C-alpha cells in the first residue's frame, strides 16, 4: 500500500472530508474508484486498510474535499478524521521521469558524491515549498538526523533499483 494523504477534518454537513495530500497531482486520484483508509499508516498489506467507494472528489485550496458512499453526514465524516488514505501500487499510475512515490524513497541509503553514507531516508515531510527528506544514521547516543530538501539543487541522483540517493551534502553539515 502506498500512503497518499490524510483526512484532516470534516467538510460541511453532507459527509464530505478534507484531505491533505502527501504529494503532487492529487486530482488524479479521482480515477481510483476505491480508496483505502486506515488509522495506521504503517499497515503495508491491503488487509490493514478498509476500502471505501469514492462518491465525489474536488480540489479545495491546496488539498481535496472528498465524499465516500455510506458517509452521508458530518458525524460520519468526523469518524474518518485522522485516517490515512492509501492505494495498492497497481491502482496508481506509474510516476513520470524524475517523479517518485515517497514510499519508494523511504529506506533508501543516502550518500554524497564522495560515496560517504549520510544515513537512510526515514520519512519525507511536505513543507509547503518542497518536500524534505529526514535522514537518520546510527542508533542511541550515536544517532544523527539530517533534514535535506528534496530538490534538484541537492538531489543529484535517485536510483530506486540500486536503493540509493546521491545528494550534494557533506557529513559535517
Protein backbone atom coordinates (compact mmCIF):
# COMPACT_ATOMS: atom_id res chain seq x y z
CA UNK A 1 0.00 0.00 0.00
CA UNK A 2 1.19 3.50 -0.86
CA UNK A 3 0.09 6.20 1.58
CA UNK A 4 -1.21 9.19 -0.38
CA UNK A 5 -2.53 11.59 2.25
CA UNK A 6 -4.55 12.04 5.41
CA UNK A 7 -8.10 13.09 6.24
CA UNK A 8 -7.77 16.22 8.36
CA UNK A 9 -11.34 17.37 9.04
CA UNK A 10 -14.98 17.08 8.09
CA UNK A 11 -16.18 19.47 5.39
CA UNK A 12 -19.77 20.67 5.60
CA UNK A 13 -22.72 18.62 6.81
CA UNK A 14 -23.18 16.09 3.97
CA UNK A 15 -20.36 13.66 4.81
CA UNK A 16 -17.52 15.30 2.89
CA UNK A 17 -13.98 15.38 4.36
CA UNK A 18 -10.87 17.50 3.78
CA UNK A 19 -7.81 15.53 2.63
CA UNK A 20 -4.22 16.73 2.96
CA UNK A 21 -2.29 15.10 0.08
CA UNK A 22 1.31 13.93 0.58
CA UNK A 23 2.36 14.61 -3.00
CA UNK A 24 1.66 16.34 -6.27
CA UNK A 25 -1.38 15.95 -8.52
CA UNK A 26 -3.95 14.65 -6.03
CA UNK A 27 -6.76 15.30 -8.52
CA UNK A 28 -5.51 12.26 -10.45
CA UNK A 29 -6.81 10.19 -7.52
CA UNK A 30 -10.33 10.76 -8.87
CA UNK A 31 -9.57 7.95 -11.32
CA UNK A 32 -9.43 5.48 -8.40
CA UNK A 33 -12.99 4.29 -7.70
CA UNK A 34 -11.94 2.71 -4.38
CA UNK A 35 -9.91 4.48 -1.69
CA UNK A 36 -8.39 2.64 1.28
CA UNK A 37 -8.43 4.18 4.77
CA UNK A 38 -6.64 3.23 8.00
CA UNK A 39 -5.67 4.88 11.28
CA UNK A 40 -2.27 3.16 10.97
CA UNK A 41 -0.14 4.45 8.10
CA UNK A 42 2.39 1.64 8.58
CA UNK A 43 -0.02 -1.12 7.52
CA UNK A 44 1.57 -2.50 4.35
CA UNK A 45 -0.99 -5.13 3.32
CA UNK A 46 -4.44 -4.34 1.95
CA UNK A 47 -5.94 -6.32 4.86
CA UNK A 48 -4.90 -3.49 7.22
CA UNK A 49 -6.97 -0.98 5.23
CA UNK A 50 -10.72 -0.51 4.78
CA UNK A 51 -11.99 0.05 1.22
CA UNK A 52 -14.38 2.97 0.56
CA UNK A 53 -16.11 3.70 -2.75
CA UNK A 54 -15.49 7.25 -3.92
CA UNK A 55 -18.68 9.34 -4.31
CA UNK A 56 -17.07 12.70 -5.10
CA UNK A 57 -13.70 14.45 -5.21
CA UNK A 58 -12.73 18.04 -5.98
CA UNK A 59 -9.86 20.46 -5.39
CA UNK A 60 -10.13 22.73 -2.36
CA UNK A 61 -7.22 25.09 -1.70
CA UNK A 62 -4.02 23.04 -1.54
CA UNK A 63 -5.91 19.85 -0.80
CA UNK A 64 -9.05 17.96 -1.70
CA UNK A 65 -12.56 17.53 -0.41
CA UNK A 66 -13.88 14.02 -0.81
CA UNK A 67 -17.09 12.09 -0.25
CA UNK A 68 -17.47 8.32 0.15
CA UNK A 69 -20.52 6.10 -0.31
CA UNK A 70 -22.13 5.36 3.04
CA UNK A 71 -20.78 8.51 4.73
CA UNK A 72 -23.78 10.81 4.50
CA UNK A 73 -23.45 13.28 7.37
CA UNK A 74 -20.98 15.26 9.46
CA UNK A 75 -20.88 12.60 12.21
CA UNK A 76 -19.72 10.01 9.70
CA UNK A 77 -17.14 12.43 8.33
CA UNK A 78 -15.86 13.22 11.84
CA UNK A 79 -15.30 9.49 12.42
CA UNK A 80 -12.89 9.47 9.44
CA UNK A 81 -10.78 12.39 10.71
CA UNK A 82 -7.15 11.34 11.16
CA UNK A 83 -7.43 8.35 8.83
CA UNK A 84 -4.70 7.85 6.24
CA UNK A 85 -5.55 7.41 2.57
CA UNK A 86 -3.69 4.78 0.57
CA UNK A 87 -3.89 2.64 -2.54
CA UNK A 88 -2.23 -0.54 -3.71
CA UNK A 89 0.66 0.18 -6.06
CA UNK A 90 -1.15 -1.44 -9.02
CA UNK A 91 -4.04 1.07 -8.66
CA UNK A 92 -1.68 4.04 -9.07
CA UNK A 93 -0.31 5.46 -12.30
CA UNK A 94 3.38 4.95 -12.97
CA UNK A 95 5.33 8.05 -11.93
CA UNK A 96 6.84 10.19 -14.68
CA UNK A 97 10.59 10.52 -15.17
CA UNK A 98 12.18 12.18 -12.12
CA UNK A 99 9.00 11.68 -10.06
CA UNK A 100 8.79 9.23 -7.17
CA UNK A 101 6.28 7.95 -4.69
CA UNK A 102 7.50 8.81 -1.20
CA UNK A 103 7.04 5.21 -0.13
CA UNK A 104 9.68 4.22 -2.71
CA UNK A 105 12.21 6.63 -1.19
CA UNK A 106 11.82 5.59 2.45
CA UNK A 107 14.61 3.19 3.40
CA UNK A 108 16.99 4.20 0.61
CA UNK A 109 20.62 4.86 1.53
CA UNK A 110 21.66 8.49 1.10
CA UNK A 111 25.24 9.33 0.19
CA UNK A 112 27.20 12.26 -1.12
CA UNK A 113 29.19 12.23 -4.40
CA UNK A 114 32.29 11.08 -2.43
CA UNK A 115 30.41 7.90 -1.50
CA UNK A 116 30.12 8.85 2.19
CA UNK A 117 26.92 7.48 3.70
CA UNK A 118 24.70 10.08 5.35
CA UNK A 119 22.13 7.51 6.54
CA UNK A 120 18.81 6.26 5.26
CA UNK A 121 15.57 8.05 4.42
CA UNK A 122 13.29 7.67 7.47
CA UNK A 123 10.46 9.84 6.13
CA UNK A 124 9.58 12.81 3.96
CA UNK A 125 7.86 15.97 5.11
CA UNK A 126 5.97 18.41 2.91
CA UNK A 127 6.88 21.95 3.98
CA UNK A 128 4.75 23.86 1.50
CA UNK A 129 7.69 25.00 -0.58
CA UNK A 130 9.03 21.49 -1.24
CA UNK A 131 9.48 18.07 0.32
CA UNK A 132 12.26 17.48 2.86
CA UNK A 133 13.90 14.11 3.50
CA UNK A 134 14.52 13.09 7.09
CA UNK A 135 17.78 11.15 7.02
CA UNK A 136 18.76 9.00 10.02
CA UNK A 137 22.16 7.44 10.72
CA UNK A 138 23.31 5.45 13.76
CA UNK A 139 21.41 4.48 16.88
CA UNK A 140 21.17 5.54 20.52
CA UNK A 141 23.70 8.20 21.52
CA UNK A 142 25.29 7.99 18.06
CA UNK A 143 22.02 8.71 16.24
CA UNK A 144 22.22 11.60 13.81
CA UNK A 145 19.33 13.18 11.97
CA UNK A 146 19.60 15.38 8.91
CA UNK A 147 16.93 17.26 7.01
CA UNK A 148 17.76 17.56 3.32
CA UNK A 149 15.47 19.33 0.84
CA UNK A 150 14.27 17.01 -1.93
CA UNK A 151 15.08 19.46 -4.72
CA UNK A 152 17.41 19.33 -7.71
CA UNK A 153 19.96 21.67 -6.11
CA UNK A 154 20.78 18.94 -3.57
CA UNK A 155 19.43 15.67 -5.00
CA UNK A 156 21.74 14.61 -7.82
CA UNK A 157 20.58 11.04 -8.47
CA UNK A 158 17.82 8.70 -7.31
CA UNK A 159 18.38 5.01 -8.03
CA UNK A 160 15.35 3.08 -6.79
CA UNK A 161 16.68 -0.27 -8.10
CA UNK A 162 20.09 0.38 -6.52
CA UNK A 163 18.41 1.56 -3.28
CA UNK A 164 20.38 4.83 -3.07
CA UNK A 165 20.09 8.58 -3.40
CA UNK A 166 23.10 10.80 -4.13
CA UNK A 167 22.92 14.29 -2.64
CA UNK A 168 25.20 17.30 -2.66
CA UNK A 169 25.72 17.35 1.11
CA UNK A 170 28.66 16.95 3.46
CA UNK A 171 28.94 14.81 6.59
CA UNK A 172 29.59 17.83 8.85
CA UNK A 173 26.68 19.98 7.61
